Protein backbone atom coordinates (compact mmCIF):
# COMPACT_ATOMS: atom_id res chain seq x y z
CA MET A 1 -6.75 -15.66 -59.72
CA ARG A 2 -4.03 -17.82 -58.21
CA VAL A 3 -3.29 -20.97 -56.25
CA ILE A 4 -2.94 -19.78 -52.65
CA SER A 5 -0.91 -22.48 -50.92
CA GLY A 6 0.79 -25.84 -51.27
CA SER A 7 3.01 -27.26 -54.00
CA ALA A 8 1.58 -24.93 -56.67
CA GLY A 9 1.19 -21.95 -54.33
CA GLY A 10 1.49 -18.60 -56.09
CA ARG A 11 0.86 -19.93 -59.60
CA ARG A 12 -1.53 -17.83 -61.63
CA LEU A 13 -4.56 -19.53 -63.17
CA LEU A 14 -6.48 -18.45 -66.23
CA ALA A 15 -9.90 -16.86 -65.82
CA PRO A 16 -12.49 -16.43 -68.59
CA ARG A 17 -13.63 -13.11 -69.94
CA GLY A 18 -17.14 -11.94 -69.17
CA MET A 19 -19.49 -12.70 -66.33
CA ARG A 20 -20.58 -16.29 -67.14
CA VAL A 21 -18.05 -17.74 -64.66
CA ARG A 22 -17.66 -16.32 -61.16
CA PRO A 23 -14.37 -17.65 -59.69
CA THR A 24 -14.27 -17.95 -55.91
CA ALA A 25 -12.51 -14.87 -54.55
CA ASP A 26 -9.05 -15.53 -53.09
CA ARG A 27 -10.11 -14.33 -49.62
CA VAL A 28 -13.10 -16.71 -49.61
CA LYS A 29 -10.98 -19.58 -50.94
CA GLU A 30 -8.35 -18.95 -48.25
CA ALA A 31 -11.01 -18.88 -45.51
CA LEU A 32 -12.76 -22.05 -46.65
CA PHE A 33 -9.49 -24.01 -46.91
CA SER A 34 -8.61 -22.84 -43.40
CA ILE A 35 -11.96 -24.25 -42.20
CA ILE A 36 -11.38 -27.49 -44.14
CA ARG A 37 -7.91 -27.84 -42.58
CA SER A 38 -9.31 -27.27 -39.06
CA ARG A 39 -12.02 -29.92 -39.62
CA GLU A 40 -10.11 -32.49 -41.69
CA GLY A 41 -6.41 -31.87 -41.08
CA ASN A 42 -4.31 -32.13 -44.21
CA LEU A 43 -5.75 -33.20 -47.55
CA GLU A 44 -3.17 -35.93 -48.23
CA GLY A 45 -4.60 -38.72 -50.34
CA MET A 46 -8.13 -37.30 -50.57
CA ARG A 47 -10.28 -37.74 -53.68
CA VAL A 48 -11.95 -34.47 -54.62
CA LEU A 49 -15.00 -33.64 -56.74
CA ASP A 50 -15.33 -30.06 -58.01
CA LEU A 51 -18.89 -29.61 -59.39
CA CYS A 52 -19.77 -26.58 -61.51
CA ALA A 53 -16.01 -26.06 -61.47
CA GLY A 54 -15.83 -22.95 -63.69
CA THR A 55 -12.06 -22.40 -63.67
CA GLY A 56 -11.19 -25.41 -61.51
CA GLY A 57 -9.74 -23.15 -58.83
CA LEU A 58 -11.12 -25.03 -55.83
CA GLY A 59 -10.14 -28.51 -57.01
CA ILE A 60 -6.70 -27.28 -58.08
CA GLU A 61 -6.21 -25.66 -54.67
CA ALA A 62 -7.05 -29.03 -53.06
CA LEU A 63 -4.52 -30.80 -55.31
CA SER A 64 -1.90 -28.21 -54.40
CA ARG A 65 -2.55 -28.95 -50.73
CA GLY A 66 -2.01 -32.71 -51.14
CA ALA A 67 -5.23 -34.24 -52.50
CA ALA A 68 -4.49 -37.39 -54.53
CA GLU A 69 -6.79 -36.65 -57.45
CA ALA A 70 -9.70 -34.48 -58.49
CA VAL A 71 -12.62 -34.78 -60.89
CA PHE A 72 -13.82 -31.46 -62.33
CA VAL A 73 -17.33 -31.10 -63.77
CA ASP A 74 -18.65 -28.21 -65.84
CA ASN A 75 -21.27 -28.19 -68.58
CA HIS A 76 -19.64 -25.49 -70.75
CA ARG A 77 -17.00 -26.57 -73.27
CA GLU A 78 -15.12 -23.26 -72.78
CA SER A 79 -14.94 -23.85 -69.01
CA ALA A 80 -13.86 -27.48 -69.45
CA ASP A 81 -11.05 -26.37 -71.78
CA LEU A 82 -10.03 -23.65 -69.32
CA ILE A 83 -9.99 -26.14 -66.42
CA THR A 84 -7.77 -28.49 -68.44
CA ARG A 85 -5.35 -25.64 -69.16
CA ASN A 86 -5.34 -24.57 -65.49
CA ILE A 87 -4.64 -28.14 -64.34
CA GLU A 88 -1.63 -28.18 -66.71
CA LEU A 89 -0.45 -24.72 -65.56
CA ALA A 90 -0.54 -25.87 -61.93
CA GLY A 91 1.41 -29.04 -62.77
CA PHE A 92 -1.35 -31.57 -62.02
CA SER A 93 -2.00 -33.10 -65.46
CA GLY A 94 -1.90 -36.66 -64.11
CA LYS A 95 -4.17 -35.90 -61.15
CA GLY A 96 -7.14 -34.16 -62.74
CA LYS A 97 -10.00 -35.46 -64.87
CA VAL A 98 -12.46 -33.07 -66.55
CA LEU A 99 -16.05 -34.00 -67.46
CA THR A 100 -18.06 -31.71 -69.73
CA LYS A 101 -21.56 -32.51 -68.44
CA GLU A 102 -24.47 -31.12 -66.48
CA ALA A 103 -23.72 -31.65 -62.78
CA LEU A 104 -26.64 -34.02 -62.05
CA ALA A 105 -25.82 -36.18 -65.10
CA ALA A 106 -22.17 -36.28 -64.01
CA LEU A 107 -23.18 -37.43 -60.52
CA ARG A 108 -25.16 -40.33 -62.03
CA GLU A 109 -22.26 -41.25 -64.31
CA LEU A 110 -19.68 -41.11 -61.51
CA GLU A 111 -21.88 -43.19 -59.22
CA GLY A 112 -22.40 -45.71 -62.03
CA VAL A 113 -18.67 -46.40 -62.21
CA GLY A 114 -18.29 -46.68 -58.42
CA GLU A 115 -16.53 -43.38 -57.69
CA ARG A 116 -16.37 -42.13 -54.09
CA PHE A 117 -15.13 -38.79 -52.81
CA HIS A 118 -14.03 -37.36 -49.49
CA LEU A 119 -14.13 -33.66 -50.39
CA ILE A 120 -16.79 -32.20 -52.69
CA PHE A 121 -17.11 -28.58 -53.82
CA LEU A 122 -20.41 -27.21 -55.16
CA ASP A 123 -20.29 -23.78 -56.76
CA PRO A 124 -23.20 -23.54 -59.24
CA PRO A 125 -24.61 -20.30 -60.63
CA TYR A 126 -26.26 -18.32 -57.86
CA ARG A 127 -30.00 -18.04 -57.22
CA LEU A 128 -31.15 -20.90 -59.46
CA GLY A 129 -31.83 -23.42 -56.68
CA LEU A 130 -29.06 -25.71 -57.93
CA VAL A 131 -27.19 -26.00 -54.63
CA GLY A 132 -30.16 -27.68 -52.93
CA LYS A 133 -30.74 -30.02 -55.89
CA LEU A 134 -27.08 -31.06 -55.94
CA LEU A 135 -26.96 -31.58 -52.16
CA ALA A 136 -30.10 -33.72 -52.33
CA ALA A 137 -28.63 -35.77 -55.20
CA LEU A 138 -25.36 -36.28 -53.31
CA ALA A 139 -27.21 -37.29 -50.14
CA GLY A 140 -29.08 -39.98 -52.08
CA SER A 141 -26.01 -41.29 -53.87
CA GLN A 142 -23.15 -43.67 -53.14
CA LEU A 143 -20.55 -41.01 -54.03
CA LEU A 144 -19.85 -39.91 -50.46
CA ASP A 145 -17.04 -41.40 -48.44
CA ASP A 146 -18.36 -42.13 -44.93
CA THR A 147 -16.54 -39.05 -43.56
CA ALA A 148 -17.11 -36.83 -46.61
CA LEU A 149 -17.15 -33.07 -46.39
CA VAL A 150 -19.31 -31.16 -48.89
CA VAL A 151 -18.60 -27.44 -49.32
CA ALA A 152 -21.44 -25.48 -50.95
CA GLU A 153 -21.00 -21.89 -52.15
CA PHE A 154 -24.12 -19.79 -52.76
CA ALA A 155 -25.40 -16.22 -52.70
CA SER A 156 -25.83 -14.65 -49.28
CA GLY A 157 -29.54 -14.25 -48.68
CA GLU A 158 -30.34 -17.34 -50.76
CA GLU A 159 -32.34 -19.86 -48.73
CA LEU A 160 -30.62 -23.19 -48.13
CA ALA A 161 -31.85 -25.95 -45.82
CA THR A 162 -29.51 -27.34 -43.18
CA THR A 163 -30.32 -31.01 -43.85
CA PHE A 164 -30.44 -33.00 -47.08
CA GLY A 165 -31.07 -36.71 -46.41
CA ILE A 166 -27.96 -38.00 -44.63
CA LEU A 167 -26.14 -34.66 -45.06
CA GLN A 168 -26.26 -32.29 -42.10
CA GLU A 169 -24.85 -28.76 -42.10
CA CYS A 170 -21.93 -28.46 -39.69
CA ASP A 171 -20.86 -24.86 -40.36
CA ARG A 172 -21.92 -21.81 -42.38
CA ARG A 173 -20.01 -18.60 -43.07
CA ARG A 174 -20.80 -15.38 -44.90
CA TYR A 175 -18.28 -13.34 -46.90
CA GLY A 176 -20.09 -10.32 -48.31
CA ASP A 177 -22.43 -11.52 -51.07
CA THR A 178 -21.08 -15.09 -50.84
CA SER A 179 -22.04 -17.71 -48.27
CA VAL A 180 -20.38 -21.07 -47.76
CA ALA A 181 -22.05 -24.02 -46.00
CA PHE A 182 -20.26 -27.20 -44.93
CA PHE A 183 -22.12 -30.53 -44.81
CA GLN A 184 -21.17 -33.96 -43.52
CA PRO A 185 -23.03 -37.27 -43.31
CA VAL A 186 -24.85 -37.79 -40.02
CA PRO A 187 -22.75 -40.25 -37.97
CA GLY A 188 -24.10 -43.79 -38.33
CA SER A 189 -25.86 -43.02 -41.63
CA GLU A 190 -26.40 -45.88 -44.02
CA PHE A 191 -24.66 -45.43 -47.36
């Protein structure tokens, strides 16, 4: 596993042993950042939220491509420690914050302190219905910047609605057993 592009491009990141964490494959990561770049331009100054972060690979890739800061959330202590080490390996110690919490609890906490994000990654364990729950929670929160982009990774074949409150799907791609859906607030939505 590595950082693909940007200031930390080519740096290797640590991955855990076993099957508990499923890092996003490099080819999928490269494709989704190409889509993000075509929709959003560069990532300069963006605030990023990486939910169910696992290794932190997606948030670290965003930092490498110019994002200002990233918050990483994972409920496993081992993953949180690994994310912290990967942030240091990539040279982003001052730009990353790691929360060891369940994703829904972290969303409530972040909203409670007035956080807002422009780019949000969701990559929970497959086939547990968590993607829909997290999208619904985000849609009902104040965490979304008015032009936010939410990128949800899930198992191909897993059912996922195209609308969650103010969030509307704007693109969906399939890469083997992985699908990625992109959501943005409906223009003119009340936040």
